[in-house]
């Protein structure tokens, strides 16, 4: 038996927050200390969080017009790694790959 109220669907939660669900998304990993600077240079629809000491930015429709340039400008001068874009159901995989690439870059690979 399930206790408590039902969880809203992603679509309902996004609508309540005034956020448009993207068709595709990618995760960007950066140093936690750089998260505010990078996020501040991205459009307001990017979602940010700190996960286990690493900055995480979820970027909707990263292959959309002008998005690559926005992402490059946001991370300019800071180590960051962008995971592969895909459906929202693949965001965890995008995050895993972005975080691994950031760790490799920080280690000098």
N, C-alpha and C. Protein backbone atom coordinates (compact mmCIF):
# COMPACT_ATOMS: atom_id res chain seq x y z
N UNK A 1 0.84 -1.18 0.00
CA UNK A 1 0.00 0.00 0.00
C UNK A 1 0.88 1.24 0.00
N UNK A 2 0.42 2.24 -0.70
CA UNK A 2 1.17 3.48 -0.81
C UNK A 2 0.64 4.47 0.21
N UNK A 3 1.56 5.11 0.92
CA UNK A 3 1.17 6.09 1.92
C UNK A 3 1.42 7.49 1.38
N UNK A 4 0.62 8.44 1.81
CA UNK A 4 0.82 9.82 1.42
C UNK A 4 0.17 10.13 0.09
N UNK A 5 0.21 11.39 -0.29
CA UNK A 5 -0.42 11.80 -1.54
C UNK A 5 0.38 11.29 -2.73
N UNK A 6 -0.28 11.12 -3.86
CA UNK A 6 0.44 10.66 -5.06
C UNK A 6 1.43 11.73 -5.50
N UNK A 7 2.54 11.28 -6.06
CA UNK A 7 3.55 12.21 -6.58
C UNK A 7 3.08 12.78 -7.91
N UNK A 8 3.27 14.07 -8.12
CA UNK A 8 2.86 14.65 -9.39
C UNK A 8 3.78 14.16 -10.51
N UNK A 9 3.25 14.10 -11.70
CA UNK A 9 4.09 13.71 -12.83
C UNK A 9 5.08 14.83 -13.11
N UNK A 10 6.14 14.51 -13.86
CA UNK A 10 7.14 15.52 -14.21
C UNK A 10 6.49 16.68 -14.95
N UNK A 11 5.54 16.35 -15.81
CA UNK A 11 4.86 17.39 -16.58
C UNK A 11 4.10 18.34 -15.66
N UNK A 12 3.37 17.78 -14.70
CA UNK A 12 2.59 18.60 -13.76
C UNK A 12 3.52 19.44 -12.88
N UNK A 13 4.60 18.83 -12.39
CA UNK A 13 5.54 19.56 -11.54
C UNK A 13 6.20 20.69 -12.32
N UNK A 14 6.57 20.44 -13.57
CA UNK A 14 7.19 21.49 -14.39
C UNK A 14 6.20 22.61 -14.64
N UNK A 15 4.97 22.27 -14.93
CA UNK A 15 3.95 23.29 -15.19
C UNK A 15 3.73 24.14 -13.94
N UNK A 16 3.67 23.52 -12.78
CA UNK A 16 3.47 24.25 -11.53
C UNK A 16 4.64 25.20 -11.25
N UNK A 17 5.84 24.81 -11.68
CA UNK A 17 7.02 25.65 -11.47
C UNK A 17 7.20 26.67 -12.58
N UNK A 18 6.36 26.62 -13.60
CA UNK A 18 6.50 27.54 -14.73
C UNK A 18 7.69 27.20 -15.61
N UNK A 19 8.05 25.92 -15.66
CA UNK A 19 9.21 25.48 -16.43
C UNK A 19 8.75 24.58 -17.56
N UNK A 20 9.26 24.82 -18.75
CA UNK A 20 8.92 24.01 -19.92
C UNK A 20 9.80 22.77 -19.95
N UNK A 21 9.18 21.60 -20.00
CA UNK A 21 9.95 20.36 -20.10
C UNK A 21 10.63 20.29 -21.47
N UNK A 22 11.94 20.11 -21.49
CA UNK A 22 12.63 20.02 -22.77
C UNK A 22 12.43 18.66 -23.42
N UNK A 23 12.60 18.61 -24.73
CA UNK A 23 12.53 17.33 -25.45
C UNK A 23 13.77 16.49 -25.16
N UNK A 24 14.90 17.16 -25.05
CA UNK A 24 16.14 16.48 -24.70
C UNK A 24 16.87 17.33 -23.67
N UNK A 25 17.82 16.71 -22.99
CA UNK A 25 18.57 17.43 -21.97
C UNK A 25 19.94 16.78 -21.82
N UNK A 26 20.85 17.53 -21.22
CA UNK A 26 22.19 17.02 -20.92
C UNK A 26 22.61 17.58 -19.57
N UNK A 27 23.50 16.86 -18.90
CA UNK A 27 24.04 17.31 -17.63
C UNK A 27 25.44 17.86 -17.84
N UNK A 28 25.72 18.96 -17.18
CA UNK A 28 27.05 19.55 -17.19
C UNK A 28 27.61 19.45 -15.79
N UNK A 29 28.84 18.96 -15.65
CA UNK A 29 29.50 18.84 -14.36
C UNK A 29 30.59 19.91 -14.27
N UNK A 30 30.72 20.51 -13.09
CA UNK A 30 31.76 21.51 -12.86
C UNK A 30 32.14 21.47 -11.39
N UNK A 31 33.21 22.17 -11.04
CA UNK A 31 33.57 22.27 -9.63
C UNK A 31 32.45 22.99 -8.90
N UNK A 32 32.16 22.54 -7.71
CA UNK A 32 31.09 23.14 -6.92
C UNK A 32 31.31 24.64 -6.75
N UNK A 33 32.56 25.06 -6.60
CA UNK A 33 32.88 26.48 -6.42
C UNK A 33 32.55 27.31 -7.65
N UNK A 34 32.48 26.68 -8.82
CA UNK A 34 32.19 27.40 -10.07
C UNK A 34 30.72 27.35 -10.46
N UNK A 35 29.91 26.62 -9.72
CA UNK A 35 28.52 26.41 -10.10
C UNK A 35 27.76 27.72 -10.26
N UNK A 36 27.86 28.62 -9.31
CA UNK A 36 27.12 29.88 -9.39
C UNK A 36 27.53 30.72 -10.57
N UNK A 37 28.82 30.79 -10.86
CA UNK A 37 29.31 31.58 -11.99
C UNK A 37 28.82 31.00 -13.32
N UNK A 38 28.93 29.70 -13.47
CA UNK A 38 28.51 29.05 -14.71
C UNK A 38 27.00 29.17 -14.87
N UNK A 39 26.26 28.85 -13.82
CA UNK A 39 24.79 28.92 -13.89
C UNK A 39 24.32 30.34 -14.18
N UNK A 40 25.00 31.32 -13.63
CA UNK A 40 24.62 32.71 -13.85
C UNK A 40 24.79 33.18 -15.28
N UNK A 41 25.56 32.45 -16.06
CA UNK A 41 25.79 32.81 -17.46
C UNK A 41 24.91 32.01 -18.42
N UNK A 42 24.10 31.11 -17.88
CA UNK A 42 23.20 30.30 -18.70
C UNK A 42 21.79 30.87 -18.62
N UNK A 43 20.94 30.53 -19.59
CA UNK A 43 19.55 30.98 -19.53
C UNK A 43 18.86 30.48 -18.26
N UNK A 44 17.81 31.16 -17.88
CA UNK A 44 17.09 30.86 -16.64
C UNK A 44 16.47 29.46 -16.63
N UNK A 45 16.34 28.80 -17.77
CA UNK A 45 15.74 27.47 -17.78
C UNK A 45 16.71 26.36 -17.41
N UNK A 46 17.98 26.68 -17.17
CA UNK A 46 18.94 25.68 -16.71
C UNK A 46 18.71 25.43 -15.23
N UNK A 47 18.69 24.18 -14.83
CA UNK A 47 18.49 23.81 -13.43
C UNK A 47 19.83 23.45 -12.82
N UNK A 48 20.08 23.92 -11.61
CA UNK A 48 21.38 23.69 -10.97
C UNK A 48 21.22 23.03 -9.61
N UNK A 49 22.25 22.28 -9.24
CA UNK A 49 22.29 21.65 -7.92
C UNK A 49 23.73 21.27 -7.63
N UNK A 50 24.00 21.07 -6.38
CA UNK A 50 25.28 20.53 -5.96
C UNK A 50 25.04 19.08 -5.57
N UNK A 51 25.78 18.18 -6.18
CA UNK A 51 25.62 16.75 -5.92
C UNK A 51 26.94 16.16 -5.47
N UNK A 52 27.01 15.74 -4.24
CA UNK A 52 28.21 15.09 -3.68
C UNK A 52 29.47 15.92 -3.95
N UNK A 53 29.37 17.23 -3.75
CA UNK A 53 30.53 18.10 -3.89
C UNK A 53 30.86 18.52 -5.31
N UNK A 54 30.01 18.20 -6.26
CA UNK A 54 30.22 18.57 -7.66
C UNK A 54 29.04 19.40 -8.13
N UNK A 55 29.32 20.44 -8.89
CA UNK A 55 28.25 21.26 -9.45
C UNK A 55 27.59 20.53 -10.61
N UNK A 56 26.26 20.57 -10.66
CA UNK A 56 25.50 19.92 -11.72
C UNK A 56 24.54 20.93 -12.32
N UNK A 57 24.56 21.04 -13.64
CA UNK A 57 23.63 21.91 -14.36
C UNK A 57 22.90 21.05 -15.38
N UNK A 58 21.58 21.07 -15.33
CA UNK A 58 20.79 20.36 -16.34
C UNK A 58 20.38 21.38 -17.39
N UNK A 59 20.74 21.08 -18.62
CA UNK A 59 20.53 22.01 -19.73
C UNK A 59 19.55 21.37 -20.70
N UNK A 60 18.42 22.03 -20.88
CA UNK A 60 17.41 21.54 -21.81
C UNK A 60 17.77 21.86 -23.24
N UNK A 61 17.47 20.92 -24.13
CA UNK A 61 17.70 21.08 -25.57
C UNK A 61 19.07 21.68 -25.88
N UNK A 62 20.17 21.04 -25.41
CA UNK A 62 21.51 21.60 -25.60
C UNK A 62 21.96 21.70 -27.06
N UNK A 63 21.30 20.98 -27.95
CA UNK A 63 21.66 21.07 -29.37
C UNK A 63 20.82 22.11 -30.10
N UNK A 64 19.98 22.82 -29.38
CA UNK A 64 19.13 23.84 -29.99
C UNK A 64 19.93 25.02 -30.51
N UNK A 65 19.29 25.87 -31.28
CA UNK A 65 19.98 27.03 -31.88
C UNK A 65 20.65 27.91 -30.82
N UNK A 66 21.93 28.11 -30.98
CA UNK A 66 22.70 28.98 -30.10
C UNK A 66 23.09 28.39 -28.76
N UNK A 67 22.61 27.20 -28.46
CA UNK A 67 22.88 26.62 -27.14
C UNK A 67 24.36 26.27 -26.95
N UNK A 68 25.01 25.72 -27.95
CA UNK A 68 26.42 25.36 -27.79
C UNK A 68 27.25 26.58 -27.43
N UNK A 69 27.00 27.70 -28.08
CA UNK A 69 27.73 28.94 -27.78
C UNK A 69 27.43 29.41 -26.37
N UNK A 70 26.17 29.30 -25.92
CA UNK A 70 25.80 29.69 -24.55
C UNK A 70 26.56 28.84 -23.53
N UNK A 71 26.62 27.55 -23.79
CA UNK A 71 27.29 26.64 -22.86
C UNK A 71 28.78 26.93 -22.81
N UNK A 72 29.40 27.14 -23.97
CA UNK A 72 30.83 27.46 -24.03
C UNK A 72 31.14 28.76 -23.29
N UNK A 73 30.33 29.80 -23.51
CA UNK A 73 30.54 31.08 -22.82
C UNK A 73 30.37 30.92 -21.31
N UNK A 74 29.39 30.16 -20.90
CA UNK A 74 29.13 29.98 -19.47
C UNK A 74 30.31 29.32 -18.77
N UNK A 75 30.93 28.35 -19.41
CA UNK A 75 32.03 27.60 -18.79
C UNK A 75 33.40 28.19 -19.09
N UNK A 76 33.47 29.23 -19.88
CA UNK A 76 34.75 29.81 -20.30
C UNK A 76 35.68 30.04 -19.11
N UNK A 77 36.88 29.48 -19.23
CA UNK A 77 37.88 29.66 -18.19
C UNK A 77 37.72 28.75 -16.98
N UNK A 78 36.74 27.88 -17.00
CA UNK A 78 36.49 26.97 -15.89
C UNK A 78 36.40 25.54 -16.43
N UNK A 79 36.90 24.59 -15.65
CA UNK A 79 36.79 23.19 -16.05
C UNK A 79 35.33 22.77 -15.93
N UNK A 80 34.80 22.22 -16.99
CA UNK A 80 33.43 21.72 -17.02
C UNK A 80 33.34 20.65 -18.08
N UNK A 81 32.40 19.74 -17.91
CA UNK A 81 32.21 18.66 -18.88
C UNK A 81 30.72 18.47 -19.11
N UNK A 82 30.34 18.38 -20.37
CA UNK A 82 28.95 18.20 -20.76
C UNK A 82 28.73 16.76 -21.18
N UNK A 83 27.76 16.12 -20.54
CA UNK A 83 27.40 14.76 -20.91
C UNK A 83 26.59 14.76 -22.19
N UNK A 84 26.33 13.59 -22.73
CA UNK A 84 25.57 13.52 -23.98
C UNK A 84 24.11 13.93 -23.79
N UNK A 85 23.58 14.58 -24.81
CA UNK A 85 22.17 14.96 -24.81
C UNK A 85 21.33 13.74 -25.16
N UNK A 86 20.13 13.74 -24.63
CA UNK A 86 19.22 12.65 -24.93
C UNK A 86 17.89 12.90 -24.26
N UNK A 87 17.02 11.92 -24.29
CA UNK A 87 15.72 12.09 -23.63
C UNK A 87 15.93 12.25 -22.12
N UNK A 88 14.96 12.86 -21.46
CA UNK A 88 15.07 13.10 -20.01
C UNK A 88 15.32 11.81 -19.23
N UNK A 89 14.83 10.71 -19.74
CA UNK A 89 15.02 9.43 -19.05
C UNK A 89 16.49 9.01 -19.00
N UNK A 90 17.34 9.64 -19.80
CA UNK A 90 18.78 9.31 -19.85
C UNK A 90 19.65 10.33 -19.12
N UNK A 91 19.04 11.24 -18.36
CA UNK A 91 19.82 12.27 -17.66
C UNK A 91 20.82 11.69 -16.66
N UNK A 92 20.46 10.61 -15.99
CA UNK A 92 21.39 10.02 -15.03
C UNK A 92 22.66 9.55 -15.75
N UNK A 93 22.50 8.98 -16.91
CA UNK A 93 23.68 8.53 -17.69
C UNK A 93 24.49 9.72 -18.16
N UNK A 94 23.83 10.78 -18.60
CA UNK A 94 24.53 12.00 -19.01
C UNK A 94 25.34 12.55 -17.84
N UNK A 95 24.74 12.56 -16.64
CA UNK A 95 25.43 13.05 -15.45
C UNK A 95 26.64 12.18 -15.13
N UNK A 96 26.49 10.87 -15.17
CA UNK A 96 27.61 9.97 -14.88
C UNK A 96 28.78 10.22 -15.82
N UNK A 97 28.49 10.39 -17.10
CA UNK A 97 29.56 10.61 -18.08
C UNK A 97 30.18 12.00 -17.93
N UNK A 98 29.37 13.01 -17.66
CA UNK A 98 29.89 14.37 -17.46
C UNK A 98 30.81 14.41 -16.24
N UNK A 99 30.37 13.79 -15.15
CA UNK A 99 31.17 13.77 -13.93
C UNK A 99 32.48 13.02 -14.14
N UNK A 100 32.44 11.90 -14.84
CA UNK A 100 33.67 11.14 -15.12
C UNK A 100 34.62 11.94 -16.01
N UNK A 101 34.08 12.64 -17.00
CA UNK A 101 34.94 13.46 -17.87
C UNK A 101 35.56 14.62 -17.10
N UNK A 102 34.79 15.23 -16.19
CA UNK A 102 35.34 16.31 -15.37
C UNK A 102 36.47 15.79 -14.49
N UNK A 103 36.25 14.65 -13.86
CA UNK A 103 37.31 14.06 -13.01
C UNK A 103 38.56 13.77 -13.81
N UNK A 104 38.39 13.25 -15.02
CA UNK A 104 39.54 12.95 -15.87
C UNK A 104 40.28 14.23 -16.25
N UNK A 105 39.54 15.28 -16.59
CA UNK A 105 40.17 16.56 -16.94
C UNK A 105 40.91 17.15 -15.75
N UNK A 106 40.31 17.06 -14.58
CA UNK A 106 40.95 17.59 -13.37
C UNK A 106 42.22 16.81 -13.01
N UNK A 107 42.25 15.53 -13.39
CA UNK A 107 43.41 14.68 -13.12
C UNK A 107 44.47 14.83 -14.20
N UNK A 108 44.20 15.63 -15.22
CA UNK A 108 45.16 15.88 -16.28
C UNK A 108 45.11 14.92 -17.43
N UNK A 109 44.04 14.17 -17.56
CA UNK A 109 43.91 13.21 -18.66
C UNK A 109 43.65 13.91 -19.97
